[in-house]
Amino acid sequence: MMKLYILRHGETQWNVQKRLQGASDTELNEKGIALAEKTGEALKEIPFYCCFTSPLKRAKDTAKLALGNREIPIYEDARIQEICFGEWEGENSSLLPQEMLYNFFHNTKDYRAPKGGEELAHICARTRDFWEDIIAREELQDKNILIASHGCAVRALLQNVYEDADIANFWHGKVPPNCSVNIVEMKENKAILLEEDVVYY
């Protein structure tokens, strides 16, 4: 049966500085690199068939570090790239309109994207398209797949898995920690969440 290991990228300097990253192409910091390597160590016995990653460097590098020296194909897919915050990108979260920021994390049904940004419904639609594509591929039906993505994009992907999926409960209690892993098993066309937000550090 197919098993999906959905991995959030490691820590970046913008995470530390509480700046909104979104579609900005930031890099892992030293801690982020170490977290990705530790996560890879924990997953070293999993025989991954391939990896799909967001095209953003922090996700790609996390995938490469987690896979180590293994010769496993890595495919970039823009459908699992992080949500875009438009004019908020790069801004310190403490300097932004607090009501809308609060809505993004705690009252998601009322969130409205800033100018040039992406709505939650859109990231849910594009990640759903990725999800339906991957789980339908004949060659992947009995494989272990690594998916490297981002906090919001991971939660959007998991809307296809959660039994209580709803935009009002989008975050399922929290933002996935850096390098956390959600493990999903596909059994008779049903997605079962085996592990949620597991960290190996």
Protein backbone atom coordinates (compact mmCIF):
# COMPACT_ATOMS: atom_id res chain seq x y z
CA MET A 1 0.00 0.00 0.00
CA MET A 2 1.08 3.59 -0.58
CA LYS A 3 2.57 5.53 2.33
CA LEU A 4 3.15 9.28 2.20
CA TYR A 5 5.63 11.01 4.49
CA ILE A 6 4.74 14.70 4.44
CA LEU A 7 7.65 16.77 5.73
CA ARG A 8 7.75 20.47 6.61
CA HIS A 9 11.02 22.25 5.84
CA GLY A 10 13.66 22.98 8.50
CA GLU A 11 14.10 26.28 10.31
CA THR A 12 15.10 29.45 8.44
CA GLN A 13 16.33 32.80 9.70
CA TRP A 14 12.98 34.30 8.75
CA ASN A 15 11.26 31.75 11.03
CA VAL A 16 13.45 32.98 13.88
CA GLN A 17 12.77 36.63 13.02
CA LYS A 18 9.01 35.96 12.73
CA ARG A 19 8.93 37.30 9.19
CA LEU A 20 6.28 35.98 6.81
CA GLN A 21 8.00 33.80 4.22
CA GLY A 22 5.22 32.60 1.98
CA ALA A 23 6.48 32.32 -1.59
CA SER A 24 9.80 34.05 -0.78
CA ASP A 25 12.76 31.78 -1.50
CA THR A 26 14.55 31.73 1.86
CA GLU A 27 17.28 29.32 2.97
CA LEU A 28 17.68 26.96 5.91
CA ASN A 29 19.77 28.25 8.80
CA GLU A 30 22.28 26.06 10.68
CA LYS A 31 19.62 24.71 13.01
CA GLY A 32 17.34 23.99 10.04
CA ILE A 33 20.09 21.97 8.37
CA ALA A 34 20.70 20.01 11.58
CA LEU A 35 16.97 19.29 12.01
CA ALA A 36 16.70 18.02 8.44
CA GLU A 37 19.70 15.74 8.95
CA LYS A 38 18.29 14.35 12.22
CA THR A 39 14.94 13.74 10.55
CA GLY A 40 16.71 11.95 7.72
CA GLU A 41 18.52 9.77 10.23
CA ALA A 42 15.17 8.77 11.76
CA LEU A 43 13.77 7.92 8.31
CA LYS A 44 16.85 6.15 6.93
CA GLU A 45 15.23 2.69 7.02
CA ILE A 46 12.23 3.83 4.95
CA PRO A 47 12.74 2.67 1.34
CA PHE A 48 11.50 5.79 -0.43
CA TYR A 49 10.63 5.36 -4.11
CA CYS A 50 10.74 9.07 -4.90
CA CYS A 51 10.31 12.53 -3.43
CA PHE A 52 8.09 15.42 -4.45
CA THR A 53 9.15 18.85 -3.23
CA SER A 54 8.07 22.44 -3.38
CA PRO A 55 10.40 24.35 -5.74
CA LEU A 56 11.40 26.71 -2.90
CA LYS A 57 14.97 26.19 -1.70
CA ARG A 58 14.14 25.63 1.98
CA ALA A 59 11.91 22.66 1.08
CA LYS A 60 14.23 21.26 -1.62
CA ASP A 61 17.26 21.42 0.68
CA THR A 62 15.30 19.79 3.52
CA ALA A 63 14.38 16.93 1.17
CA LYS A 64 17.97 16.48 0.00
CA LEU A 65 19.34 16.52 3.55
CA ALA A 66 16.68 14.10 4.77
CA LEU A 67 17.45 11.67 1.93
CA GLY A 68 21.21 11.96 2.47
CA ASN A 69 23.30 10.02 -0.04
CA ARG A 70 20.42 7.89 -1.29
CA GLU A 71 19.88 7.82 -5.05
CA ILE A 72 16.21 8.74 -4.94
CA PRO A 73 14.60 10.92 -7.64
CA ILE A 74 13.35 14.32 -6.46
CA TYR A 75 10.62 16.06 -8.45
CA GLU A 76 9.71 19.72 -8.00
CA ASP A 77 6.00 20.54 -8.00
CA ALA A 78 4.72 24.11 -7.66
CA ARG A 79 1.33 22.84 -6.43
CA ILE A 80 2.88 22.18 -3.00
CA GLN A 81 4.67 25.53 -2.77
CA GLU A 82 3.82 27.72 0.25
CA ILE A 83 0.91 30.15 0.26
CA CYS A 84 1.79 33.61 -1.07
CA PHE A 85 1.35 36.55 1.30
CA GLY A 86 1.62 39.19 -1.41
CA GLU A 87 2.60 42.60 0.02
CA TRP A 88 3.08 41.04 3.47
CA GLU A 89 5.99 38.87 2.31
CA GLY A 90 9.14 39.47 4.33
CA GLU A 91 7.38 41.66 6.89
CA ASN A 92 7.75 41.08 10.61
CA SER A 93 4.46 39.64 11.84
CA SER A 94 4.33 42.12 14.76
CA LEU A 95 4.16 45.03 12.29
CA LEU A 96 1.22 43.67 10.26
CA PRO A 97 -2.54 44.21 10.77
CA GLN A 98 -3.11 41.99 13.78
CA GLU A 99 -6.75 41.18 13.07
CA MET A 100 -6.00 39.63 9.69
CA LEU A 101 -2.94 37.84 11.03
CA TYR A 102 -5.05 36.49 13.90
CA ASN A 103 -7.64 35.32 11.38
CA PHE A 104 -4.97 33.51 9.36
CA PHE A 105 -3.88 31.41 12.34
CA HIS A 106 -6.99 31.28 14.56
CA ASN A 107 -10.11 32.30 12.65
CA THR A 108 -9.35 30.92 9.19
CA LYS A 109 -12.85 31.14 7.75
CA ASP A 110 -12.62 34.96 7.99
CA TYR A 111 -9.08 35.29 6.61
CA ARG A 112 -8.70 37.47 3.52
CA ALA A 113 -5.39 37.54 1.69
CA PRO A 114 -3.41 40.80 1.54
CA LYS A 115 -2.93 42.58 -1.78
CA GLY A 116 -1.20 40.24 -4.25
CA GLY A 117 -1.61 37.30 -1.86
CA GLU A 118 -3.32 33.92 -2.13
CA GLU A 119 -6.54 32.87 -0.44
CA LEU A 120 -6.67 29.68 1.64
CA ALA A 121 -9.27 28.25 -0.76
CA HIS A 122 -6.74 28.53 -3.59
CA ILE A 123 -3.90 26.72 -1.80
CA CYS A 124 -6.41 24.03 -0.79
CA ALA A 125 -7.46 23.65 -4.45
CA ARG A 126 -3.93 23.37 -5.87
CA THR A 127 -2.73 20.99 -3.17
CA ARG A 128 -5.88 18.90 -3.71
CA ASP A 129 -4.99 18.71 -7.39
CA PHE A 130 -1.51 17.45 -6.44
CA TRP A 131 -2.99 14.97 -3.94
CA GLU A 132 -5.47 13.47 -6.38
CA ASP A 133 -2.79 13.22 -9.05
CA ILE A 134 -0.27 11.43 -6.79
CA ILE A 135 -2.65 8.93 -5.18
CA ALA A 136 -4.02 7.94 -8.60
CA ARG A 137 -0.63 7.14 -10.18
CA GLU A 138 -0.43 3.44 -10.90
CA GLU A 139 3.34 3.21 -10.41
CA LEU A 140 3.09 4.67 -6.86
CA GLN A 141 0.37 2.41 -5.45
CA ASP A 142 2.66 0.26 -3.27
CA LYS A 143 5.44 2.81 -2.68
CA ASN A 144 6.76 5.04 0.09
CA ILE A 145 6.74 8.68 -1.04
CA LEU A 146 8.45 11.65 0.63
CA ILE A 147 6.74 15.04 0.19
CA ALA A 148 8.69 18.14 1.27
CA SER A 149 6.61 21.25 1.71
CA HIS A 150 5.67 24.11 4.07
CA GLY A 151 3.51 24.78 7.14
CA CYS A 152 0.39 26.10 5.43
CA ALA A 153 0.77 23.87 2.35
CA VAL A 154 1.12 20.77 4.58
CA ARG A 155 -2.11 21.62 6.38
CA ALA A 156 -3.80 22.27 3.03
CA LEU A 157 -2.66 18.84 1.77
CA LEU A 158 -3.96 17.21 4.93
CA GLN A 159 -7.45 18.61 4.30
CA ASN A 160 -7.66 15.57 2.00
CA VAL A 161 -6.96 13.29 4.96
CA TYR A 162 -8.56 14.76 8.10
CA GLU A 163 -11.93 13.25 8.95
CA ASP A 164 -12.98 16.64 10.36
CA ALA A 165 -11.57 18.66 7.43
CA ASP A 166 -13.02 22.15 7.46
CA ILE A 167 -11.61 25.59 6.65
CA ALA A 168 -12.59 26.70 10.17
CA ASN A 169 -10.35 23.97 11.61
CA PHE A 170 -7.64 24.38 8.97
CA TRP A 171 -4.61 24.33 11.31
CA HIS A 172 -5.76 21.32 13.35
CA GLY A 173 -4.59 23.00 16.54
CA LYS A 174 -1.21 24.37 15.44
CA VAL A 175 1.25 25.12 12.67
CA PRO A 176 3.29 21.97 11.91
CA PRO A 177 6.72 22.34 13.58
CA ASN A 178 9.83 22.65 11.39
CA CYS A 179 10.83 19.20 10.07
CA SER A 180 7.74 17.55 11.50
CA VAL A 181 6.39 14.57 9.57
CA ASN A 182 2.80 13.55 8.92
CA ILE A 183 2.51 9.92 7.82
CA VAL A 184 -0.49 8.92 5.71
CA GLU A 185 -1.39 5.44 4.51
CA MET A 186 -3.63 4.83 1.50
CA LYS A 187 -5.75 1.74 2.08
CA GLU A 188 -8.52 0.77 -0.34
CA ASN A 189 -8.71 4.35 -1.64
CA LYS A 190 -9.03 5.72 1.89
CA ALA A 191 -6.42 8.00 3.46
CA ILE A 192 -5.53 7.13 7.06
CA LEU A 193 -3.40 9.51 9.16
CA LEU A 194 -0.99 7.24 11.03
CA GLU A 195 1.16 9.93 12.66
CA GLU A 196 0.56 13.67 13.02
CA ASP A 197 3.33 16.29 13.34
CA VAL A 198 5.97 13.82 14.55
CA VAL A 199 9.36 15.34 15.31
CA TYR A 200 12.56 13.32 15.58
CA TYR A 201 14.71 15.86 17.42
